[in-house]
Amino acid sequence: MLATAASLRRETKERLSMLSGRRLTREMILRIAIDALLVNVALVIALALRCLWAASVQGGARVTPIDLLDDWLGAYLKFTWLLTVTSIVVFYGSGFYTRNRAYRGRHKALAIIWGVSLSYLIFGFQVLLLRGAVAFPRTVVLIAWFLTLALVGGARLWSPMWLTFAEMERRLVSEPPTSGVVNRVLVIGGAGYIGSALTRRLLALGYHVRVLDLLVYGDESIREFYHHPGFELLCGDFCHIDTVVKGAQGMDAIVHLGAIVGDSACQICEELTVEINLRATRTIAEVGKGFGVTRFVFASTCSVYGASDEILDERSGLNPLSLYARTKMESEKVLLALADDTFAPIILRFGTIFGLSGRPRFDLVVNLLAAKAVKDGEFGIVGGKQWRPFVHVKDVAEAIVLSLEAPRRNVCGQIFNVGSNDQNYQIGDLGELIREFVPNVRETSQAIEDPRNYRVRFDKISKTLNFQPKYTVREGVKEVVNAFTTGQIADYQDPCYNNSTYLKQHSALQRSVIAYRTTRDQVAATVDGAPFPAAMASARRQALGQVMASPAQPA
């Protein structure tokens, strides 16, 4: 038992190290090895071409092709290590493996040209210095540079080109016969901030909604639905595979909103965050796929973009700066790998959400600033120049509905930013909106800069799903201010409105979770007498060796 716990801790620590992006990962090592191979292939081809040219020009001379080949082979063996090491060092410094800002996004091609060219300039200079010791044809350097640029650049730029062609092909292919209309939806985290708004919307549209939620924050957000004929509640932990199996049976789609949400909340227990946000997501998706769920909508975040001065879209490079964002990025990869003709994962990257729902939150910047203004008479701005895309919680619910109703070919395996182009704001500009409704409020500023900075485009969801947000940030501020002035909400500092504060005050739950990690979840061979489907065998084997307890996770 203890050995199993130690093994799980080691595995989780390794996962955290990989997510941190500060060490060499397997992916980076593989990329380095492939680049080293491509550089050597380019050098060999360049030497061979130079050899053939020399043999044809000097055909009547005493130098035979075998002699030339020996010379060039000797030159290759003496210089290949120098070129390989130089190239890899320069490539690393140019961000080929660390994906720095210069390498990401629309400047990627220029970064590749710069990295390859710089490495060959340095190599050429080294060849010049060593020309007295070893002869090396300078024309080979030029040919090898061109070939390396083609091979290394092509290997990186081919992927987005291939995805574009694949998307064009997908749109030409007719709807697969296995895709059916979605009528029954499992909403994981349905009593939470987004989930309560989504549940209300789905019931109003006539869907049958099953909510899977641990009700950590109570059931007030969904209590009004208890007598609705299309609503059912499954109170349980989505980290337990048997609970997920009960929830997924008979469902057409799963909307996965459950997670430890927010940077500060995720820092309380990093191992638990990875367990809930990443590993449980894989298990839920595999369970759903095994039980015939056709669509899986995943709540991701625009914070996976991290920090960039560019205007970003779904094709832009990712640069997550927090554990929360990194778990979302890794979960996206896991889900997209499961896509096939019967299972359609859909990734929705939400902007920074604002507005009120059945379970209000005041750890979100617009809601918090507006609440502090009306209750305290002042609010503080951290930094102010950083960009954020904003979207109302009700518009988020509508985007999820549209992803459930859209033709399968338009959404399967797709990523959508959720928001509006005209709702990108610098944080400092929020003060002017707040003063419209609280004129005498005092604004303070802090020199501390938030490293996160991302301005996002939302053209794809607008064109593909015809998504048009209905609520502006100004209307969201007004909504929050009215909630306090009318007495609908009394104290924004109540821990139930803040994920991080609530989890910190319930540290006993955290300790019980960690203690329970030393045991395995005893998953029965059958669930309610029904045998497991064959497709669920792998998910069951994984669950037996994983941590399956999380009573403190927010909806």
Protein backbone atom coordinates (compact mmCIF):
# COMPACT_ATOMS: atom_id res chain seq x y z
CA MET A 1 0.00 0.00 0.00
CA LEU A 2 2.76 2.41 1.03
CA ALA A 3 4.80 1.41 -2.00
CA THR A 4 1.85 2.26 -4.20
CA ALA A 5 1.54 5.67 -2.57
CA ALA A 6 5.24 6.39 -3.04
CA SER A 7 5.01 5.33 -6.65
CA LEU A 8 2.06 7.65 -7.20
CA ARG A 9 3.91 10.56 -5.61
CA ARG A 10 6.93 10.00 -7.82
CA GLU A 11 4.73 9.83 -10.90
CA THR A 12 2.94 13.06 -10.00
CA LYS A 13 6.22 14.88 -9.32
CA GLU A 14 7.51 13.77 -12.70
CA ARG A 15 4.34 15.13 -14.29
CA LEU A 16 4.76 18.45 -12.54
CA SER A 17 8.35 18.70 -13.74
CA MET A 18 7.25 18.06 -17.29
CA LEU A 19 4.52 20.68 -17.04
CA SER A 20 6.81 23.30 -15.57
CA GLY A 21 8.70 23.65 -18.86
CA ARG A 22 11.96 24.34 -17.00
CA ARG A 23 13.63 21.00 -17.67
CA LEU A 24 14.37 18.93 -20.70
CA THR A 25 11.28 16.91 -21.49
CA ARG A 26 11.05 13.82 -23.64
CA GLU A 27 9.47 15.90 -26.37
CA MET A 28 12.39 18.35 -26.32
CA ILE A 29 14.96 15.54 -26.42
CA LEU A 30 13.14 13.96 -29.34
CA ARG A 31 13.07 17.28 -31.22
CA ILE A 32 16.78 17.78 -30.60
CA ALA A 33 17.57 14.26 -31.86
CA ILE A 34 15.48 14.77 -35.01
CA ASP A 35 17.11 18.14 -35.72
CA ALA A 36 20.57 16.61 -35.29
CA LEU A 37 19.62 13.91 -37.77
CA LEU A 38 18.25 16.44 -40.28
CA VAL A 39 21.41 18.56 -40.05
CA ASN A 40 23.55 15.51 -40.75
CA VAL A 41 21.33 14.39 -43.63
CA ALA A 42 21.66 17.86 -45.16
CA LEU A 43 25.45 17.75 -44.77
CA VAL A 44 25.72 14.27 -46.34
CA ILE A 45 23.55 15.25 -49.30
CA ALA A 46 25.55 18.47 -49.79
CA LEU A 47 28.84 16.54 -49.75
CA ALA A 48 27.44 13.94 -52.16
CA LEU A 49 26.26 16.62 -54.59
CA ARG A 50 29.61 18.35 -54.39
CA CYS A 51 31.35 14.99 -54.98
CA LEU A 52 29.24 14.23 -58.06
CA TRP A 53 29.85 17.70 -59.48
CA ALA A 54 33.61 17.44 -58.92
CA ALA A 55 33.70 13.97 -60.52
CA SER A 56 31.86 15.20 -63.62
CA VAL A 57 34.04 18.29 -64.03
CA GLN A 58 37.29 16.44 -63.35
CA GLY A 59 36.31 13.26 -65.20
CA GLY A 60 39.43 13.24 -67.33
CA ALA A 61 41.77 14.05 -64.46
CA ARG A 62 43.76 11.63 -62.40
CA VAL A 63 41.41 12.11 -59.43
CA THR A 64 38.82 9.33 -59.39
CA PRO A 65 35.34 9.53 -57.83
CA ILE A 66 36.52 7.08 -55.15
CA ASP A 67 39.32 9.44 -54.19
CA LEU A 68 36.89 12.37 -54.00
CA LEU A 69 34.46 10.32 -51.93
CA ASP A 70 37.22 9.42 -49.49
CA ASP A 71 38.15 13.08 -49.15
CA TRP A 72 34.56 14.21 -48.57
CA LEU A 73 33.87 11.34 -46.17
CA GLY A 74 36.92 12.31 -44.16
CA ALA A 75 35.74 15.92 -44.12
CA TYR A 76 32.28 14.80 -42.95
CA LEU A 77 33.63 12.73 -40.09
CA LYS A 78 35.86 15.58 -38.93
CA PHE A 79 33.24 18.35 -39.17
CA THR A 80 29.88 16.69 -38.47
CA TRP A 81 30.21 16.96 -34.69
CA LEU A 82 31.11 20.63 -34.97
CA LEU A 83 28.12 21.45 -37.18
CA THR A 84 25.75 19.33 -35.09
CA VAL A 85 26.73 20.88 -31.76
CA THR A 86 26.74 24.41 -33.19
CA SER A 87 23.30 23.95 -34.75
CA ILE A 88 21.64 22.46 -31.67
CA VAL A 89 23.05 25.19 -29.39
CA VAL A 90 21.88 27.94 -31.74
CA PHE A 91 18.50 26.26 -32.28
CA TYR A 92 18.01 26.04 -28.51
CA GLY A 93 18.92 29.68 -28.07
CA SER A 94 16.51 30.64 -30.86
CA GLY A 95 13.60 29.01 -29.01
CA PHE A 96 13.17 25.94 -31.19
CA TYR A 97 12.72 23.77 -28.10
CA THR A 98 11.74 26.26 -25.39
CA ARG A 99 9.18 28.00 -27.65
CA ASN A 100 10.05 31.52 -26.57
CA ARG A 101 8.16 34.58 -27.75
CA ALA A 102 10.29 35.03 -30.88
CA TYR A 103 9.58 31.48 -31.98
CA ARG A 104 5.85 31.41 -31.30
CA GLY A 105 3.02 32.66 -33.49
CA ARG A 106 3.34 34.37 -36.85
CA HIS A 107 7.11 35.00 -36.47
CA LYS A 108 7.89 31.30 -36.42
CA ALA A 109 9.18 31.14 -40.02
CA LEU A 110 11.51 34.10 -39.48
CA ALA A 111 12.82 32.54 -36.27
CA ILE A 112 13.60 29.30 -38.13
CA ILE A 113 15.42 31.13 -40.94
CA TRP A 114 17.39 33.15 -38.39
CA GLY A 115 18.36 30.10 -36.31
CA VAL A 116 19.51 27.98 -39.27
CA SER A 117 21.35 30.87 -40.92
CA LEU A 118 23.14 31.86 -37.71
CA SER A 119 24.27 28.30 -37.06
CA TYR A 120 25.80 28.02 -40.54
CA LEU A 121 27.44 31.44 -40.29
CA ILE A 122 29.14 30.32 -37.09
CA PHE A 123 30.05 26.97 -38.68
CA GLY A 124 31.43 28.68 -41.79
CA PHE A 125 33.60 30.91 -39.62
CA GLN A 126 34.88 27.85 -37.77
CA VAL A 127 35.69 26.13 -41.08
CA LEU A 128 37.61 29.26 -42.13
CA LEU A 129 39.69 29.14 -38.96
CA LEU A 130 40.47 25.44 -39.40
CA ARG A 131 41.19 25.52 -43.15
CA GLY A 132 44.90 24.98 -42.56
CA ALA A 133 44.30 21.78 -40.63
CA VAL A 134 41.49 20.19 -42.62
CA ALA A 135 40.27 20.99 -46.14
CA PHE A 136 36.53 21.56 -46.40
CA PRO A 137 34.77 22.86 -49.55
CA ARG A 138 33.03 26.13 -48.82
CA THR A 139 30.33 25.47 -51.41
CA VAL A 140 29.19 22.54 -49.27
CA VAL A 141 28.42 24.96 -46.45
CA LEU A 142 26.07 26.94 -48.71
CA ILE A 143 24.35 23.82 -50.07
CA ALA A 144 24.01 22.29 -46.59
CA TRP A 145 22.53 25.56 -45.26
CA PHE A 146 19.83 25.53 -47.93
CA LEU A 147 19.02 21.84 -47.33
CA THR A 148 18.94 22.27 -43.55
CA LEU A 149 16.61 25.22 -43.91
CA ALA A 150 14.31 23.14 -46.10
CA LEU A 151 14.36 20.08 -43.82
CA VAL A 152 14.20 21.77 -40.40
CA GLY A 153 11.79 24.48 -41.53
CA GLY A 154 9.65 22.05 -43.49
CA ALA A 155 9.34 19.72 -40.51
CA ARG A 156 7.93 22.58 -38.41
CA LEU A 157 5.88 24.49 -40.95
CA TRP A 158 4.34 21.42 -42.56
CA SER A 159 2.19 20.68 -39.49
CA PRO A 160 -0.04 23.82 -39.64
CA MET A 161 -0.26 23.49 -43.43
CA TRP A 162 -1.35 19.89 -43.06
CA LEU A 163 -3.97 20.89 -40.46
CA THR A 164 -5.35 23.51 -42.86
CA PHE A 165 -5.68 20.97 -45.67
CA ALA A 166 -7.19 18.46 -43.24
CA GLU A 167 -9.79 21.02 -42.17
CA MET A 168 -10.70 21.70 -45.80
CA GLU A 169 -11.08 17.99 -46.41
CA ARG A 170 -13.19 17.57 -43.28
CA ARG A 171 -15.64 20.21 -44.47
CA LEU A 172 -16.08 18.38 -47.76
CA VAL A 173 -16.83 15.05 -46.13
CA SER A 174 -20.44 14.33 -45.31
CA GLU A 175 -21.65 13.84 -41.75
CA PRO A 176 -20.75 10.35 -40.47
CA PRO A 177 -23.73 8.09 -39.83
CA THR A 178 -22.73 7.57 -36.20
CA SER A 179 -23.30 11.23 -35.24
CA GLY A 180 -26.73 11.68 -33.71
CA VAL A 181 -28.69 14.54 -32.25
CA VAL A 182 -27.72 15.45 -28.69
CA ASN A 183 -30.67 15.23 -26.31
CA ARG A 184 -29.19 14.01 -23.01
CA VAL A 185 -26.27 15.91 -21.50
CA LEU A 186 -24.09 15.13 -18.49
CA VAL A 187 -22.80 18.38 -16.97
CA ILE A 188 -19.85 17.73 -14.66
CA GLY A 189 -19.64 20.63 -12.24
CA GLY A 190 -23.22 21.61 -13.03
CA ALA A 191 -23.76 23.34 -9.68
CA GLY A 192 -20.80 25.68 -10.18
CA TYR A 193 -20.35 29.16 -11.59
CA ILE A 194 -20.62 28.21 -15.26
CA GLY A 195 -22.48 24.96 -14.67
CA SER A 196 -25.51 26.52 -13.00
CA ALA A 197 -25.91 28.99 -15.88
CA LEU A 198 -25.51 26.18 -18.43
CA THR A 199 -27.98 23.89 -16.64
CA ARG A 200 -30.62 26.62 -16.67
CA ARG A 201 -30.06 27.25 -20.39
CA LEU A 202 -30.14 23.58 -21.38
CA LEU A 203 -33.36 22.90 -19.45
CA ALA A 204 -34.99 25.94 -21.04
CA LEU A 205 -34.13 24.50 -24.48
CA GLY A 206 -35.66 21.12 -23.66
CA TYR A 207 -32.53 19.04 -23.01
CA HIS A 208 -32.43 16.30 -20.41
CA VAL A 209 -29.68 17.35 -18.00
CA ARG A 210 -27.86 15.16 -15.50
CA VAL A 211 -25.61 17.12 -13.14
CA LEU A 212 -22.63 15.38 -11.55
CA ASP A 213 -21.35 17.51 -8.69
CA LEU A 214 -19.95 17.03 -5.19
CA LEU A 215 -21.89 20.11 -3.99
CA VAL A 216 -18.94 21.45 -2.02
CA TYR A 217 -20.52 24.90 -2.10
CA GLY A 218 -24.04 23.59 -1.47
CA ASP A 219 -26.96 23.09 -3.83
CA GLU A 220 -28.53 26.55 -3.74
CA SER A 221 -27.52 27.22 -7.35
CA ILE A 222 -29.54 24.26 -8.69
CA ARG A 223 -32.19 23.70 -6.00
CA GLU A 224 -34.89 25.30 -8.14
CA PHE A 225 -34.42 22.57 -10.79
CA TYR A 226 -35.11 19.60 -8.50
CA HIS A 227 -38.71 19.26 -9.61
CA HIS A 228 -38.00 19.86 -13.28
CA PRO A 229 -38.88 16.70 -15.30
CA GLY A 230 -35.72 17.03 -17.40
CA PHE A 231 -33.29 17.37 -14.47
CA GLU A 232 -31.50 14.79 -12.38
CA LEU A 233 -28.69 15.15 -9.85
CA LEU A 234 -25.90 12.69 -9.24
CA CYS A 235 -24.06 13.85 -6.13
CA GLY A 236 -20.55 12.45 -6.25
CA ASP A 237 -16.87 12.90 -7.03
CA PHE A 238 -15.86 12.84 -10.69
CA CYS A 239 -12.46 11.46 -9.65
CA HIS A 240 -14.23 8.19 -8.77
CA ILE A 241 -14.54 6.04 -11.85
CA ASP A 242 -17.67 4.25 -10.64
CA THR A 243 -19.39 7.62 -10.18
CA VAL A 244 -18.36 8.72 -13.67
CA VAL A 245 -19.66 5.45 -15.12
CA LYS A 246 -23.07 6.01 -13.50
CA GLY A 247 -23.10 9.55 -14.83
CA ALA A 248 -22.12 8.67 -18.40
CA GLN A 249 -24.59 5.83 -18.94
CA GLY A 250 -27.31 6.83 -21.38
CA MET A 251 -25.85 10.25 -22.15
CA ASP A 252 -25.30 11.68 -25.64
CA ALA A 253 -22.78 14.33 -24.57
CA ILE A 254 -20.56 15.33 -21.64
CA VAL A 255 -19.73 18.90 -20.72
CA HIS A 256 -16.73 18.81 -18.40
CA LEU A 257 -16.56 21.94 -16.26
CA GLY A 258 -15.17 20.33 -13.11
CA ALA A 259 -11.70 21.46 -12.01
CA ILE A 260 -9.73 23.34 -9.40
CA VAL A 261 -10.09 26.74 -11.02
CA GLY A 262 -7.81 29.75 -10.70
CA ASP A 263 -4.09 30.24 -10.22
CA SER A 264 -4.15 30.80 -6.45
CA ALA A 265 -6.49 27.86 -5.80
CA CYS A 266 -4.27 25.53 -7.83
CA GLN A 267 -1.19 26.51 -5.83
CA ILE A 268 -2.67 25.27 -2.55
CA CYS A 269 -1.97 21.63 -3.45
CA GLU A 270 -0.20 21.18 -6.77
CA GLU A 271 -0.32 17.37 -6.74
CA LEU A 272 -4.06 17.42 -6.16
CA THR A 273 -4.49 19.99 -8.95
CA VAL A 274 -2.76 17.72 -11.46
CA GLU A 275 -4.83 14.79 -10.19
CA ILE A 276 -8.16 16.57 -10.65
CA ASN A 277 -7.53 18.85 -13.62
CA LEU A 278 -5.52 16.48 -15.78
CA ARG A 279 -5.70 12.82 -14.84
CA ALA A 280 -9.42 12.81 -14.02
CA THR A 281 -10.14 14.49 -17.36
CA ARG A 282 -8.53 11.59 -19.23
CA THR A 283 -10.52 9.05 -17.22
CA ILE A 284 -13.83 10.86 -17.77
CA ALA A 285 -13.22 11.07 -21.53
CA GLU A 286 -12.32 7.38 -21.80
CA VAL A 287 -15.36 6.39 -19.75
CA GLY A 288 -17.62 8.55 -21.91
CA LYS A 289 -16.16 7.17 -25.13
CA GLY A 290 -16.59 3.62 -23.86
CA PHE A 291 -20.27 4.22 -23.11
CA GLY A 292 -21.07 5.73 -26.50
CA VAL A 293 -20.97 9.45 -25.66
CA THR A 294 -20.60 11.23 -29.00
CA ARG A 295 -19.52 14.71 -27.89
CA PHE A 296 -17.21 15.88 -25.14
CA VAL A 297 -17.09 19.63 -24.49
CA PHE A 298 -14.08 20.65 -22.42
CA ALA A 299 -13.78 23.92 -20.52
CA SER A 300 -10.31 25.30 -21.20
CA THR A 301 -8.99 28.84 -20.87
CA CYS A 302 -7.38 31.60 -22.90
CA SER A 303 -4.73 31.81 -20.19
CA VAL A 304 -2.93 28.98 -22.02
CA TYR A 305 -1.59 31.78 -24.24
CA GLY A 306 0.25 33.23 -21.24
CA ALA A 307 2.02 36.37 -22.35
CA SER A 308 2.28 37.82 -25.83
CA ASP A 309 2.24 41.23 -27.48
CA GLU A 310 0.53 39.76 -30.55
CA ILE A 311 -3.17 39.35 -31.22
CA LEU A 312 -3.65 35.61 -30.73
CA ASP A 313 -5.94 33.03 -32.28
CA GLU A 314 -6.39 29.27 -32.04
CA ARG A 315 -3.28 28.67 -34.21
CA SER A 316 -0.97 30.76 -32.02
CA GLY A 317 1.71 29.19 -29.87
CA LEU A 318 0.90 28.43 -26.24
CA ASN A 319 2.88 29.79 -23.30
CA PRO A 320 1.07 28.86 -20.07
CA LEU A 321 2.52 30.67 -17.05
CA SER A 322 0.59 28.95 -14.26
CA LEU A 323 -0.06 25.39 -13.17
CA TYR A 324 -3.77 25.88 -13.87
CA ALA A 325 -3.08 26.88 -17.48
CA ARG A 326 -0.54 24.08 -17.96
CA THR A 327 -3.02 21.42 -16.79
CA LYS A 328 -5.57 22.80 -19.24
CA MET A 329 -3.06 22.73 -22.09
CA GLU A 330 -2.09 19.12 -21.33
CA SER A 331 -5.76 18.10 -21.01
CA GLU A 332 -6.43 19.55 -24.47
CA LYS A 333 -3.73 17.29 -25.93
CA VAL A 334 -5.15 14.23 -24.19
CA LEU A 335 -8.69 14.88 -25.44
CA LEU A 336 -7.79 15.72 -29.03
CA ALA A 337 -5.87 12.44 -29.27
CA LEU A 338 -9.12 10.56 -28.54
CA ALA A 339 -11.04 12.05 -31.50
CA ASP A 340 -12.42 9.61 -34.05
CA ASP A 341 -15.59 8.95 -36.07
CA THR A 342 -17.60 8.13 -32.92
CA PHE A 343 -16.15 10.55 -30.36
CA ALA A 344 -15.93 14.32 -30.89
CA PRO A 345 -13.92 16.29 -28.33
CA ILE A 346 -14.51 20.05 -28.48
CA ILE A 347 -12.13 22.47 -26.75
CA LEU A 348 -13.56 25.83 -25.64
CA ARG A 349 -10.95 28.35 -24.45
CA PHE A 350 -12.94 30.80 -22.36
CA GLY A 351 -11.88 34.39 -21.95
CA THR A 352 -11.86 35.94 -18.47
CA ILE A 353 -15.44 35.41 -17.32
CA PHE A 354 -17.60 38.00 -15.55
CA GLY A 355 -21.22 38.38 -14.51
CA LEU A 356 -23.51 36.61 -12.05
CA SER A 357 -24.92 33.10 -12.13
CA GLY A 358 -26.57 30.72 -9.70
CA ARG A 359 -23.26 30.46 -7.83
CA PRO A 360 -21.63 33.92 -7.92
CA ARG A 361 -17.85 34.31 -7.80
CA PHE A 362 -15.88 37.34 -6.67
CA ASP A 363 -12.38 36.09 -7.39
CA LEU A 364 -12.79 37.22 -11.02
CA VAL A 365 -11.41 40.62 -11.91
CA VAL A 366 -14.55 42.43 -13.22
CA ASN A 367 -16.83 41.05 -10.49
CA LEU A 368 -14.28 41.73 -7.75
CA LEU A 369 -13.48 45.31 -8.78
CA ALA A 370 -17.15 46.19 -9.13
CA ALA A 371 -17.98 44.61 -5.75
CA LYS A 372 -15.14 46.43 -3.98
CA ALA A 373 -16.18 49.72 -5.55
CA VAL A 374 -19.78 49.54 -4.35
CA LYS A 375 -19.10 47.98 -0.92
CA ASP A 376 -15.73 49.48 0.07
CA GLY A 377 -15.77 52.72 -1.89
CA GLU A 378 -12.44 51.90 -3.47
CA PHE A 379 -10.75 49.32 -5.67
CA GLY A 380 -7.17 48.58 -6.66
CA ILE A 381 -5.65 47.93 -10.07
CA VAL A 382 -2.58 45.68 -10.29
CA GLY A 383 -0.45 46.77 -13.23
CA GLY A 384 -3.11 47.99 -15.62
CA LYS A 385 -1.49 47.71 -19.03
CA GLN A 386 -2.02 43.95 -19.42
CA TRP A 387 -4.69 42.80 -21.88
CA ARG A 388 -7.52 40.37 -21.13
CA PRO A 389 -10.42 39.10 -23.25
CA PHE A 390 -13.71 39.17 -21.32
CA VAL A 391 -16.92 37.17 -21.73
CA HIS A 392 -20.12 36.96 -19.69
CA VAL A 393 -20.94 33.68 -17.96
CA LYS A 394 -24.30 33.49 -19.77
CA ASP A 395 -22.54 33.91 -23.13
CA VAL A 396 -20.20 31.07 -22.12
CA ALA A 397 -23.25 28.88 -21.52
CA GLU A 398 -24.59 29.83 -24.96
CA ALA A 399 -21.27 28.95 -26.61
CA ILE A 400 -21.45 25.48 -25.03
CA VAL A 401 -24.99 25.01 -26.33
CA LEU A 402 -23.90 26.01 -29.84
CA SER A 403 -21.05 23.48 -29.73
CA LEU A 404 -23.57 20.77 -28.83
CA GLU A 405 -25.94 21.74 -31.64
CA ALA A 406 -23.45 22.42 -34.46
CA PRO A 407 -22.87 19.82 -37.22
CA ARG A 408 -20.32 17.33 -35.99
CA ARG A 409 -17.92 17.95 -38.87
CA ASN A 410 -17.62 21.60 -37.81
CA VAL A 411 -16.63 20.93 -34.19
CA CYS A 412 -15.00 17.49 -33.89
CA GLY A 413 -11.43 17.90 -32.68
CA GLN A 414 -11.69 21.69 -32.90
CA ILE A 415 -10.49 24.44 -30.56
CA PHE A 416 -12.53 27.63 -30.18
CA ASN A 417 -11.67 30.82 -28.32
CA VAL A 418 -14.86 31.98 -26.60
CA GLY A 419 -15.38 35.72 -26.41
CA SER A 420 -15.60 38.80 -28.61
CA ASN A 421 -12.99 40.86 -30.45
CA ASP A 422 -14.37 44.12 -29.09
CA GLN A 423 -14.26 42.88 -25.48
CA ASN A 424 -10.47 42.82 -25.22
CA TYR A 425 -9.63 45.32 -22.49
CA GLN A 426 -6.56 46.54 -20.70
CA ILE A 427 -7.16 46.02 -16.99
CA GLY A 428 -6.64 49.72 -16.31
CA ASP A 429 -9.59 50.61 -18.57
CA LEU A 430 -12.02 48.78 -16.26
CA GLY A 431 -11.82 51.67 -13.81
CA GLU A 432 -13.62 54.03 -16.19
CA LEU A 433 -16.50 51.56 -16.61
CA ILE A 434 -16.85 51.14 -12.86
CA ARG A 435 -16.91 54.90 -12.24
CA GLU A 436 -19.95 55.16 -14.52
CA PHE A 437 -21.99 53.35 -11.87
CA VAL A 438 -20.03 54.27 -8.72
CA PRO A 439 -18.97 57.88 -9.44
CA ASN A 440 -17.28 58.70 -6.12
CA VAL A 441 -15.19 55.54 -5.90
CA ARG A 442 -11.47 55.88 -5.16
CA GLU A 443 -9.06 54.00 -7.41
CA THR A 444 -5.64 52.87 -6.24
CA SER A 445 -2.88 51.32 -8.29
CA GLN A 446 -0.06 48.89 -7.55
CA ALA A 447 3.23 48.91 -9.45
CA ILE A 448 3.37 45.10 -9.41
CA GLU A 449 3.00 43.82 -12.96
CA ASP A 450 0.96 40.76 -13.84
CA PRO A 451 3.09 38.74 -16.31
CA ARG A 452 -0.01 37.40 -18.05
CA ASN A 453 -0.89 39.46 -21.08
CA TYR A 454 -2.96 38.19 -23.98
CA ARG A 455 -5.21 39.83 -26.54
CA VAL A 456 -7.30 37.28 -28.42
CA ARG A 457 -9.25 37.00 -31.67
CA PHE A 458 -12.60 35.21 -31.80
CA ASP A 459 -13.27 35.07 -35.55
CA LYS A 460 -13.36 31.26 -35.68
CA ILE A 461 -16.24 30.75 -33.24
CA SER A 462 -18.11 33.65 -34.81
CA LYS A 463 -17.87 32.20 -38.33
CA THR A 464 -18.17 28.50 -37.48
CA LEU A 465 -20.81 28.55 -34.73
CA ASN A 466 -22.34 31.99 -35.41
CA PHE A 467 -21.54 32.91 -31.82
CA GLN A 468 -22.33 36.53 -30.94
CA PRO A 469 -22.03 37.54 -27.28
CA LYS A 470 -25.03 39.42 -25.89
CA TYR A 471 -23.49 40.97 -22.79
CA THR A 472 -20.79 43.64 -22.57
CA VAL A 473 -18.36 44.30 -19.73
CA ARG A 474 -20.26 47.51 -18.98
CA GLU A 475 -23.48 45.51 -18.53
CA GLY A 476 -21.61 43.05 -16.32
CA VAL A 477 -20.40 45.84 -14.03
CA LYS A 478 -23.95 47.21 -13.82
CA GLU A 479 -25.27 43.74 -12.98
CA VAL A 480 -22.85 43.33 -10.07
CA VAL A 481 -23.44 46.83 -8.71
CA ASN A 482 -27.22 46.30 -8.80
CA ALA A 483 -26.90 42.98 -6.98
CA PHE A 484 -25.33 44.77 -4.00
CA THR A 485 -27.49 47.89 -4.04
CA THR A 486 -30.68 45.79 -4.07
CA GLY A 487 -29.46 43.44 -1.34
CA GLN A 488 -29.33 40.37 -3.56
CA ILE A 489 -25.76 39.81 -2.33
CA ALA A 490 -24.52 41.12 0.99
CA ASP A 491 -20.85 40.26 1.43
CA TYR A 492 -18.52 39.62 -1.50
CA GLN A 493 -15.83 38.44 0.96
CA ASP A 494 -17.85 35.38 1.97
CA PRO A 495 -15.50 32.41 1.34
CA CYS A 496 -18.13 30.62 -0.74
CA TYR A 497 -17.61 33.27 -3.44
CA ASN A 498 -13.85 32.74 -3.66
CA ASN A 499 -12.37 29.37 -4.69
CA SER A 500 -8.94 29.92 -3.17
CA THR A 501 -10.21 31.32 0.14
CA TYR A 502 -12.69 28.51 0.53
CA LEU A 503 -10.11 25.79 -0.09
CA LYS A 504 -7.63 27.37 2.33
CA GLN A 505 -10.27 27.51 5.07
CA HIS A 506 -11.06 23.85 4.49
CA SER A 507 -7.53 22.50 4.86
CA ALA A 508 -8.90 19.52 6.80
CA LEU A 509 -10.51 18.34 3.60
CA GLN A 510 -7.18 18.72 1.83
CA ARG A 511 -5.43 16.57 4.46
CA SER A 512 -8.08 13.89 4.26
CA VAL A 513 -7.65 13.76 0.48
CA ILE A 514 -3.89 13.31 0.73
CA ALA A 515 -4.28 10.64 3.42
CA TYR A 516 -6.76 8.77 1.27
CA ARG A 517 -4.28 8.76 -1.61
CA THR A 518 -2.49 5.83 0.06
CA THR A 519 -5.37 3.51 -0.82
CA ARG A 520 -6.71 2.29 -4.14
CA ASP A 521 -10.21 2.78 -5.36
CA GLN A 522 -11.84 -0.64 -5.32
CA VAL A 523 -13.59 -0.63 -8.68
CA ALA A 524 -15.96 -3.60 -9.00
CA ALA A 525 -16.00 -5.75 -12.09
CA THR A 526 -19.62 -4.72 -12.60
CA VAL A 527 -21.61 -1.57 -11.97
CA ASP A 528 -25.12 -2.16 -10.64
CA GLY A 529 -24.94 -5.66 -12.06
CA ALA A 530 -24.10 -4.47 -15.60
CA PRO A 531 -20.76 -5.71 -16.98
CA PHE A 532 -18.12 -3.19 -18.05
CA PRO A 533 -17.95 -2.68 -21.83
CA ALA A 534 -14.81 -4.07 -23.42
CA ALA A 535 -13.80 -0.58 -24.49
CA MET A 536 -13.57 0.43 -20.80
CA ALA A 537 -10.89 -2.13 -19.89
CA SER A 538 -8.00 0.33 -20.24
CA ALA A 539 -9.80 3.02 -18.24
CA ARG A 540 -10.53 0.53 -15.45
CA ARG A 541 -6.90 -0.63 -15.29
CA GLN A 542 -5.71 2.98 -15.06
CA ALA A 543 -8.23 3.81 -12.36
CA LEU A 544 -7.07 0.94 -10.13
CA GLY A 545 -3.62 2.53 -9.83
CA GLN A 546 -4.63 6.19 -9.58
CA VAL A 547 -5.68 8.51 -6.80
CA MET A 548 -9.43 8.72 -6.93
CA ALA A 549 -10.42 10.96 -3.96
CA SER A 550 -11.12 14.69 -4.10
CA PRO A 551 -13.78 15.90 -1.64
CA ALA A 552 -12.41 19.45 -1.67
CA GLN A 553 -12.57 20.15 -5.38
CA PRO A 554 -14.82 23.02 -6.49
CA ALA A 555 -17.54 22.54 -9.05
